């Protein structure tokens, strides 16, 4: 059963398009695997999947805009532009 869950998580990660989606899928799959192994329960796997998905999403978002930095103009407004 665990092999099927891992296979589904990997297929979902490979089928994703953007870096954010890939990060979310990989994080959720990894979190589910670690949570299930650590607690020996489906509940632990579910909590691990949610936590891993959130962290993977944040990491994926940061990779999507690589090469861009956040700057402030002289009025204090924030804007994104290519890093100098």
PDB file of N, CA and C in Angstrom:
ATOM      1  N   UNK A   1       0.814  -1.189   0.000  1.00  0.00           N
ATOM      2  CA  UNK A   1       0.000   0.000   0.000  1.00  0.00           C
ATOM      3  C   UNK A   1       0.865   1.263   0.000  1.00  0.00           C
ATOM      4  N   UNK A   2       1.933   1.250   0.782  1.00  0.00           N
ATOM      5  CA  UNK A   2       2.812   2.418   0.839  1.00  0.00           C
ATOM      6  C   UNK A   2       3.467   2.678  -0.511  1.00  0.00           C
ATOM      7  N   UNK A   3       3.789   1.621  -1.241  1.00  0.00           N
ATOM      8  CA  UNK A   3       4.405   1.792  -2.560  1.00  0.00           C
ATOM      9  C   UNK A   3       3.452   2.476  -3.521  1.00  0.00           C
ATOM     10  N   UNK A   4       2.173   2.165  -3.422  1.00  0.00           N
ATOM     11  CA  UNK A   4       1.174   2.798  -4.286  1.00  0.00           C
ATOM     12  C   UNK A   4       1.082   4.287  -3.965  1.00  0.00           C
ATOM     13  N   UNK A   5       1.087   4.639  -2.693  1.00  0.00           N
ATOM     14  CA  UNK A   5       1.007   6.044  -2.291  1.00  0.00           C
ATOM     15  C   UNK A   5       2.224   6.814  -2.794  1.00  0.00           C
ATOM     16  N   UNK A   6       3.400   6.231  -2.668  1.00  0.00           N
ATOM     17  CA  UNK A   6       4.616   6.887  -3.146  1.00  0.00           C
ATOM     18  C   UNK A   6       4.577   7.046  -4.662  1.00  0.00           C
ATOM     19  N   UNK A   7       4.114   6.028  -5.364  1.00  0.00           N
ATOM     20  CA  UNK A   7       4.037   6.102  -6.827  1.00  0.00           C
ATOM     21  C   UNK A   7       3.070   7.198  -7.264  1.00  0.00           C
ATOM     22  N   UNK A   8       1.928   7.298  -6.602  1.00  0.00           N
ATOM     23  CA  UNK A   8       0.956   8.342  -6.944  1.00  0.00           C
ATOM     24  C   UNK A   8       1.551   9.727  -6.682  1.00  0.00           C
ATOM     25  N   UNK A   9       2.259   9.878  -5.579  1.00  0.00           N
ATOM     26  CA  UNK A   9       2.879  11.172  -5.269  1.00  0.00           C
ATOM     27  C   UNK A   9       3.921  11.545  -6.314  1.00  0.00           C
ATOM     28  N   UNK A  10       4.713  10.587  -6.766  1.00  0.00           N
ATOM     29  CA  UNK A  10       5.727  10.867  -7.775  1.00  0.00           C
ATOM     30  C   UNK A  10       5.109  11.208  -9.121  1.00  0.00           C
ATOM     31  N   UNK A  11       4.063  10.499  -9.505  1.00  0.00           N
ATOM     32  CA  UNK A  11       3.390  10.796 -10.766  1.00  0.00           C
ATOM     33  C   UNK A  11       2.780  12.191 -10.715  1.00  0.00           C
ATOM     34  N   UNK A  12       2.181  12.547  -9.610  1.00  0.00           N
ATOM     35  CA  UNK A  12       1.622  13.891  -9.452  1.00  0.00           C
ATOM     36  C   UNK A  12       2.687  14.961  -9.550  1.00  0.00           C
ATOM     37  N   UNK A  13       3.851  14.706  -8.982  1.00  0.00           N
ATOM     38  CA  UNK A  13       4.935  15.683  -9.037  1.00  0.00           C
ATOM     39  C   UNK A  13       5.464  15.842 -10.455  1.00  0.00           C
ATOM     40  N   UNK A  14       5.558  14.755 -11.172  1.00  0.00           N
ATOM     41  CA  UNK A  14       6.081  14.820 -12.532  1.00  0.00           C
ATOM     42  C   UNK A  14       5.079  15.430 -13.510  1.00  0.00           C
ATOM     43  N   UNK A  15       3.798  15.340 -13.219  1.00  0.00           N
ATOM     44  CA  UNK A  15       2.787  15.862 -14.125  1.00  0.00           C
ATOM     45  C   UNK A  15       2.542  17.354 -13.918  1.00  0.00           C
ATOM     46  N   UNK A  16       3.084  17.927 -12.888  1.00  0.00           N
ATOM     47  CA  UNK A  16       2.873  19.342 -12.595  1.00  0.00           C
ATOM     48  C   UNK A  16       3.596  20.219 -13.596  1.00  0.00           C
ATOM     49  N   UNK A  17       3.113  21.438 -13.731  1.00  0.00           N
ATOM     50  CA  UNK A  17       3.672  22.342 -14.731  1.00  0.00           C
ATOM     51  C   UNK A  17       4.655  23.355 -14.148  1.00  0.00           C
ATOM     52  N   UNK A  18       4.215  24.154 -13.211  1.00  0.00           N
ATOM     53  CA  UNK A  18       5.049  25.241 -12.711  1.00  0.00           C
ATOM     54  C   UNK A  18       5.897  24.792 -11.526  1.00  0.00           C
ATOM     55  N   UNK A  19       6.850  25.640 -11.175  1.00  0.00           N
ATOM     56  CA  UNK A  19       7.711  25.329 -10.029  1.00  0.00           C
ATOM     57  C   UNK A  19       6.909  25.269  -8.737  1.00  0.00           C
ATOM     58  N   UNK A  20       5.886  26.108  -8.628  1.00  0.00           N
ATOM     59  CA  UNK A  20       5.055  26.098  -7.431  1.00  0.00           C
ATOM     60  C   UNK A  20       4.292  24.783  -7.311  1.00  0.00           C
ATOM     61  N   UNK A  21       3.724  24.326  -8.422  1.00  0.00           N
ATOM     62  CA  UNK A  21       2.981  23.061  -8.397  1.00  0.00           C
ATOM     63  C   UNK A  21       3.899  21.889  -8.119  1.00  0.00           C
ATOM     64  N   UNK A  22       5.080  21.896  -8.714  1.00  0.00           N
ATOM     65  CA  UNK A  22       6.036  20.818  -8.457  1.00  0.00           C
ATOM     66  C   UNK A  22       6.465  20.809  -7.000  1.00  0.00           C
ATOM     67  N   UNK A  23       6.751  21.988  -6.461  1.00  0.00           N
ATOM     68  CA  UNK A  23       7.156  22.078  -5.058  1.00  0.00           C
ATOM     69  C   UNK A  23       6.069  21.591  -4.126  1.00  0.00           C
ATOM     70  N   UNK A  24       4.815  21.945  -4.428  1.00  0.00           N
ATOM     71  CA  UNK A  24       3.699  21.508  -3.598  1.00  0.00           C
ATOM     72  C   UNK A  24       3.538  20.004  -3.646  1.00  0.00           C
ATOM     73  N   UNK A  25       3.592  19.435  -4.849  1.00  0.00           N
ATOM     74  CA  UNK A  25       3.409  17.988  -4.994  1.00  0.00           C
ATOM     75  C   UNK A  25       4.541  17.207  -4.336  1.00  0.00           C
ATOM     76  N   UNK A  26       5.757  17.635  -4.554  1.00  0.00           N
ATOM     77  CA  UNK A  26       6.895  16.935  -3.954  1.00  0.00           C
ATOM     78  C   UNK A  26       6.868  17.079  -2.434  1.00  0.00           C
ATOM     79  N   UNK A  27       6.545  18.270  -1.948  1.00  0.00           N
ATOM     80  CA  UNK A  27       6.464  18.490  -0.502  1.00  0.00           C
ATOM     81  C   UNK A  27       5.373  17.661   0.144  1.00  0.00           C
ATOM     82  N   UNK A  28       4.203  17.592  -0.512  1.00  0.00           N
ATOM     83  CA  UNK A  28       3.099  16.803   0.043  1.00  0.00           C
ATOM     84  C   UNK A  28       3.435  15.315   0.053  1.00  0.00           C
ATOM     85  N   UNK A  29       4.028  14.831  -1.011  1.00  0.00           N
ATOM     86  CA  UNK A  29       4.407  13.417  -1.063  1.00  0.00           C
ATOM     87  C   UNK A  29       5.453  13.061  -0.022  1.00  0.00           C
ATOM     88  N   UNK A  30       6.448  13.899   0.086  1.00  0.00           N
ATOM     89  CA  UNK A  30       7.501  13.659   1.069  1.00  0.00           C
ATOM     90  C   UNK A  30       6.962  13.773   2.491  1.00  0.00           C
ATOM     91  N   UNK A  31       6.130  14.779   2.724  1.00  0.00           N
ATOM     92  CA  UNK A  31       5.541  14.947   4.058  1.00  0.00           C
ATOM     93  C   UNK A  31       4.665  13.779   4.452  1.00  0.00           C
ATOM     94  N   UNK A  32       3.888  13.269   3.495  1.00  0.00           N
ATOM     95  CA  UNK A  32       3.041  12.108   3.783  1.00  0.00           C
ATOM     96  C   UNK A  32       3.879  10.884   4.121  1.00  0.00           C
ATOM     97  N   UNK A  33       4.933  10.692   3.378  1.00  0.00           N
ATOM     98  CA  UNK A  33       5.809   9.545   3.619  1.00  0.00           C
ATOM     99  C   UNK A  33       6.478   9.652   4.999  1.00  0.00           C
ATOM    100  N   UNK A  34       7.026  10.798   5.296  1.00  0.00           N
ATOM    101  CA  UNK A  34       7.695  10.981   6.589  1.00  0.00           C
ATOM    102  C   UNK A  34       6.690  10.906   7.742  1.00  0.00           C
ATOM    103  N   UNK A  35       5.534  11.560   7.586  1.00  0.00           N
ATOM    104  CA  UNK A  35       4.517  11.523   8.641  1.00  0.00           C
ATOM    105  C   UNK A  35       3.986  10.126   8.887  1.00  0.00           C
ATOM    106  N   UNK A  36       3.794   9.354   7.821  1.00  0.00           N
ATOM    107  CA  UNK A  36       3.311   7.985   7.970  1.00  0.00           C
ATOM    108  C   UNK A  36       4.320   7.077   8.637  1.00  0.00           C
ATOM    109  N   UNK A  37       5.586   7.219   8.244  1.00  0.00           N
ATOM    110  CA  UNK A  37       6.637   6.384   8.827  1.00  0.00           C
ATOM    111  C   UNK A  37       6.874   6.767  10.296  1.00  0.00           C
ATOM    112  N   UNK A  38       6.833   8.059  10.586  1.00  0.00           N
ATOM    113  CA  UNK A  38       7.123   8.503  11.954  1.00  0.00           C
ATOM    114  C   UNK A  38       6.027   8.115  12.938  1.00  0.00           C
ATOM    115  N   UNK A  39       4.761   8.147  12.502  1.00  0.00           N
ATOM    116  CA  UNK A  39       3.662   7.884  13.435  1.00  0.00           C
ATOM    117  C   UNK A  39       3.005   6.526  13.242  1.00  0.00           C
ATOM    118  N   UNK A  40       3.325   5.853  12.152  1.00  0.00           N
ATOM    119  CA  UNK A  40       2.720   4.555  11.827  1.00  0.00           C
ATOM    120  C   UNK A  40       1.194   4.645  11.744  1.00  0.00           C
ATOM    121  N   UNK A  41       0.686   5.779  11.227  1.00  0.00           N
ATOM    122  CA  UNK A  41      -0.760   5.931  11.104  1.00  0.00           C
ATOM    123  C   UNK A  41      -1.096   6.770   9.872  1.00  0.00           C
ATOM    124  N   UNK A  42      -2.350   6.629   9.410  1.00  0.00           N
ATOM    125  CA  UNK A  42      -2.821   7.427   8.281  1.00  0.00           C
ATOM    126  C   UNK A  42      -2.991   8.879   8.679  1.00  0.00           C
ATOM    127  N   UNK A  43      -3.350   9.118   9.924  1.00  0.00           N
ATOM    128  CA  UNK A  43      -3.498  10.492  10.400  1.00  0.00           C
ATOM    129  C   UNK A  43      -2.179  11.253  10.345  1.00  0.00           C
ATOM    130  N   UNK A  44      -1.112  10.600  10.736  1.00  0.00           N
ATOM    131  CA  UNK A  44       0.216  11.221  10.668  1.00  0.00           C
ATOM    132  C   UNK A  44       0.632  11.499   9.236  1.00  0.00           C
ATOM    133  N   UNK A  45       0.262  10.580   8.338  1.00  0.00           N
ATOM    134  CA  UNK A  45       0.564  10.785   6.924  1.00  0.00           C
ATOM    135  C   UNK A  45      -0.217  11.968   6.372  1.00  0.00           C
ATOM    136  N   UNK A  46      -1.471  12.124   6.799  1.00  0.00           N
ATOM    137  CA  UNK A  46      -2.291  13.240   6.327  1.00  0.00           C
ATOM    138  C   UNK A  46      -1.744  14.571   6.829  1.00  0.00           C
ATOM    139  N   UNK A  47      -1.369  14.617   8.091  1.00  0.00           N
ATOM    140  CA  UNK A  47      -0.795  15.851   8.649  1.00  0.00           C
ATOM    141  C   UNK A  47       0.531  16.174   7.961  1.00  0.00           C
ATOM    142  N   UNK A  48       1.335  15.157   7.739  1.00  0.00           N
ATOM    143  CA  UNK A  48       2.611  15.357   7.044  1.00  0.00           C
ATOM    144  C   UNK A  48       2.415  15.841   5.620  1.00  0.00           C
ATOM    145  N   UNK A  49       1.384  15.332   4.942  1.00  0.00           N
ATOM    146  CA  UNK A  49       1.106  15.768   3.570  1.00  0.00           C
ATOM    147  C   UNK A  49       0.718  17.239   3.527  1.00  0.00           C
ATOM    148  N   UNK A  50      -0.115  17.654   4.459  1.00  0.00           N
ATOM    149  CA  UNK A  50      -0.530  19.064   4.497  1.00  0.00           C
ATOM    150  C   UNK A  50       0.662  19.966   4.805  1.00  0.00           C
ATOM    151  N   UNK A  51       1.425  19.615   5.828  1.00  0.00           N
ATOM    152  CA  UNK A  51       2.578  20.432   6.209  1.00  0.00           C
ATOM    153  C   UNK A  51       3.615  20.468   5.083  1.00  0.00           C
ATOM    154  N   UNK A  52       3.890  19.323   4.491  1.00  0.00           N
ATOM    155  CA  UNK A  52       4.852  19.273   3.386  1.00  0.00           C
ATOM    156  C   UNK A  52       4.372  20.034   2.167  1.00  0.00           C
ATOM    157  N   UNK A  53       3.073  19.985   1.897  1.00  0.00           N
ATOM    158  CA  UNK A  53       2.520  20.727   0.772  1.00  0.00           C
ATOM    159  C   UNK A  53       2.658  22.227   0.941  1.00  0.00           C
ATOM    160  N   UNK A  54       2.429  22.704   2.152  1.00  0.00           N
ATOM    161  CA  UNK A  54       2.553  24.140   2.424  1.00  0.00           C
ATOM    162  C   UNK A  54       4.005  24.590   2.254  1.00  0.00           C
ATOM    163  N   UNK A  55       4.920  23.844   2.836  1.00  0.00           N
ATOM    164  CA  UNK A  55       6.336  24.207   2.739  1.00  0.00           C
ATOM    165  C   UNK A  55       6.809  24.104   1.288  1.00  0.00           C
ATOM    166  N   UNK A  56       6.402  23.049   0.587  1.00  0.00           N
ATOM    167  CA  UNK A  56       6.777  22.895  -0.822  1.00  0.00           C
ATOM    168  C   UNK A  56       6.235  24.012  -1.689  1.00  0.00           C
ATOM    169  N   UNK A  57       5.033  24.468  -1.376  1.00  0.00           N
ATOM    170  CA  UNK A  57       4.444  25.577  -2.119  1.00  0.00           C
ATOM    171  C   UNK A  57       5.267  26.844  -1.931  1.00  0.00           C
ATOM    172  N   UNK A  58       5.663  27.125  -0.709  1.00  0.00           N
ATOM    173  CA  UNK A  58       6.465  28.318  -0.451  1.00  0.00           C
ATOM    174  C   UNK A  58       7.814  28.253  -1.152  1.00  0.00           C
ATOM    175  N   UNK A  59       8.432  27.093  -1.138  1.00  0.00           N
ATOM    176  CA  UNK A  59       9.713  26.935  -1.811  1.00  0.00           C
ATOM    177  C   UNK A  59       9.538  27.069  -3.322  1.00  0.00           C
ATOM    178  N   UNK A  60       8.483  26.475  -3.868  1.00  0.00           N
ATOM    179  CA  UNK A  60       8.221  26.587  -5.301  1.00  0.00           C
ATOM    180  C   UNK A  60       7.979  28.013  -5.740  1.00  0.00           C
ATOM    181  N   UNK A  61       7.264  28.774  -4.918  1.00  0.00           N
ATOM    182  CA  UNK A  61       7.022  30.184  -5.252  1.00  0.00           C
ATOM    183  C   UNK A  61       8.312  30.977  -5.298  1.00  0.00           C
ATOM    184  N   UNK A  62       9.229  30.670  -4.407  1.00  0.00           N
ATOM    185  CA  UNK A  62      10.485  31.414  -4.389  1.00  0.00           C
ATOM    186  C   UNK A  62      11.334  31.101  -5.620  1.00  0.00           C
ATOM    187  N   UNK A  63      11.210  29.916  -6.170  1.00  0.00           N
ATOM    188  CA  UNK A  63      11.986  29.550  -7.351  1.00  0.00           C
ATOM    189  C   UNK A  63      11.367  30.077  -8.635  1.00  0.00           C
ATOM    190  N   UNK A  64      10.082  30.358  -8.611  1.00  0.00           N
ATOM    191  CA  UNK A  64       9.401  30.830  -9.811  1.00  0.00           C
ATOM    192  C   UNK A  64       9.883  32.210 -10.229  1.00  0.00           C
ATOM    193  N   UNK A  65      10.227  33.032  -9.296  1.00  0.00           N
ATOM    194  CA  UNK A  65      10.659  34.401  -9.586  1.00  0.00           C
ATOM    195  C   UNK A  65      12.153  34.568  -9.318  1.00  0.00           C
ATOM    196  N   UNK A  66      12.935  33.550  -9.622  1.00  0.00           N
ATOM    197  CA  UNK A  66      14.368  33.677  -9.383  1.00  0.00           C
ATOM    198  C   UNK A  66      14.942  34.713 -10.346  1.00  0.00           C
ATOM    199  N   UNK A  67      15.892  35.461  -9.887  1.00  0.00           N
ATOM    200  CA  UNK A  67      16.485  36.520 -10.683  1.00  0.00           C
ATOM    201  C   UNK A  67      15.814  37.867 -10.474  1.00  0.00           C
ATOM    202  N   UNK A  68      14.739  37.894  -9.685  1.00  0.00           N
ATOM    203  CA  UNK A  68      14.048  39.143  -9.377  1.00  0.00           C
ATOM    204  C   UNK A  68      14.259  39.491  -7.911  1.00  0.00           C
ATOM    205  N   UNK A  69      14.381  40.769  -7.640  1.00  0.00           N
ATOM    206  CA  UNK A  69      14.548  41.252  -6.278  1.00  0.00           C
ATOM    207  C   UNK A  69      13.453  42.266  -5.967  1.00  0.00           C
ATOM    208  N   UNK A  70      13.225  42.494  -4.703  1.00  0.00           N
ATOM    209  CA  UNK A  70      12.240  43.486  -4.273  1.00  0.00           C
ATOM    210  C   UNK A  70      12.999  44.729  -3.824  1.00  0.00           C
ATOM    211  N   UNK A  71      12.630  45.848  -4.421  1.00  0.00           N
ATOM    212  CA  UNK A  71      13.269  47.121  -4.111  1.00  0.00           C
ATOM    213  C   UNK A  71      12.231  48.094  -3.574  1.00  0.00           C
ATOM    214  N   UNK A  72      12.707  49.189  -2.987  1.00  0.00           N
ATOM    215  CA  UNK A  72      11.847  50.288  -2.543  1.00  0.00           C
ATOM    216  C   UNK A  72      12.296  51.552  -3.271  1.00  0.00           C
ATOM    217  N   UNK A  73      11.307  52.304  -3.754  1.00  0.00           N
ATOM    218  CA  UNK A  73      11.646  53.578  -4.366  1.00  0.00           C
ATOM    219  C   UNK A  73      11.798  54.645  -3.279  1.00  0.00           C
ATOM    220  N   UNK A  74      12.067  55.868  -3.681  1.00  0.00           N
ATOM    221  CA  UNK A  74      12.329  56.916  -2.689  1.00  0.00           C
ATOM    222  C   UNK A  74      11.100  57.290  -1.875  1.00  0.00           C
ATOM    223  N   UNK A  75       9.902  56.832  -2.323  1.00  0.00           N
ATOM    224  CA  UNK A  75       8.668  57.101  -1.583  1.00  0.00           C
ATOM    225  C   UNK A  75       8.284  55.941  -0.667  1.00  0.00           C
ATOM    226  N   UNK A  76       9.077  54.871  -0.671  1.00  0.00           N
ATOM    227  CA  UNK A  76       8.814  53.729   0.190  1.00  0.00           C
ATOM    228  C   UNK A  76       7.957  52.649  -0.437  1.00  0.00           C
ATOM    229  N   UNK A  77       7.590  52.805  -1.709  1.00  0.00           N
ATOM    230  CA  UNK A  77       6.783  51.786  -2.384  1.00  0.00           C
ATOM    231  C   UNK A  77       7.668  50.625  -2.819  1.00  0.00           C
ATOM    232  N   UNK A  78       7.162  49.430  -2.624  1.00  0.00           N
ATOM    233  CA  UNK A  78       7.907  48.221  -3.016  1.00  0.00           C
ATOM    234  C   UNK A  78       7.593  47.862  -4.459  1.00  0.00           C
ATOM    235  N   UNK A  79       8.612  47.385  -5.185  1.00  0.00           N
ATOM    236  CA  UNK A  79       8.414  46.900  -6.553  1.00  0.00           C
ATOM    237  C   UNK A  79       9.432  45.810  -6.855  1.00  0.00           C
ATOM    238  N   UNK A  80       9.110  44.977  -7.846  1.00  0.00           N
ATOM    239  CA  UNK A  80       9.997  43.893  -8.266  1.00  0.00           C
ATOM    240  C   UNK A  80      10.697  44.269  -9.558  1.00  0.00           C
ATOM    241  N   UNK A  81      11.962  43.929  -9.633  1.00  0.00           N
ATOM    242  CA  UNK A  81      12.740  44.146 -10.847  1.00  0.00           C
ATOM    243  C   UNK A  81      13.872  43.130 -10.857  1.00  0.00           C
ATOM    244  N   UNK A  82      14.492  42.984 -12.017  1.00  0.00           N
ATOM    245  CA  UNK A  82      15.648  42.081 -12.104  1.00  0.00           C
ATOM    246  C   UNK A  82      16.722  42.518 -11.110  1.00  0.00           C
ATOM    247  N   UNK A  83      17.340  41.535 -10.495  1.00  0.00           N
ATOM    248  CA  UNK A  83      18.398  41.840  -9.535  1.00  0.00           C
ATOM    249  C   UNK A  83      19.579  42.495 -10.248  1.00  0.00           C
ATOM    250  N   UNK A  84      20.225  43.411  -9.588  1.00  0.00           N
ATOM    251  CA  UNK A  84      21.355  44.125 -10.172  1.00  0.00           C
ATOM    252  C   UNK A  84      22.637  43.391  -9.931  1.00  0.00           C
TER     253      UNK A  84
END
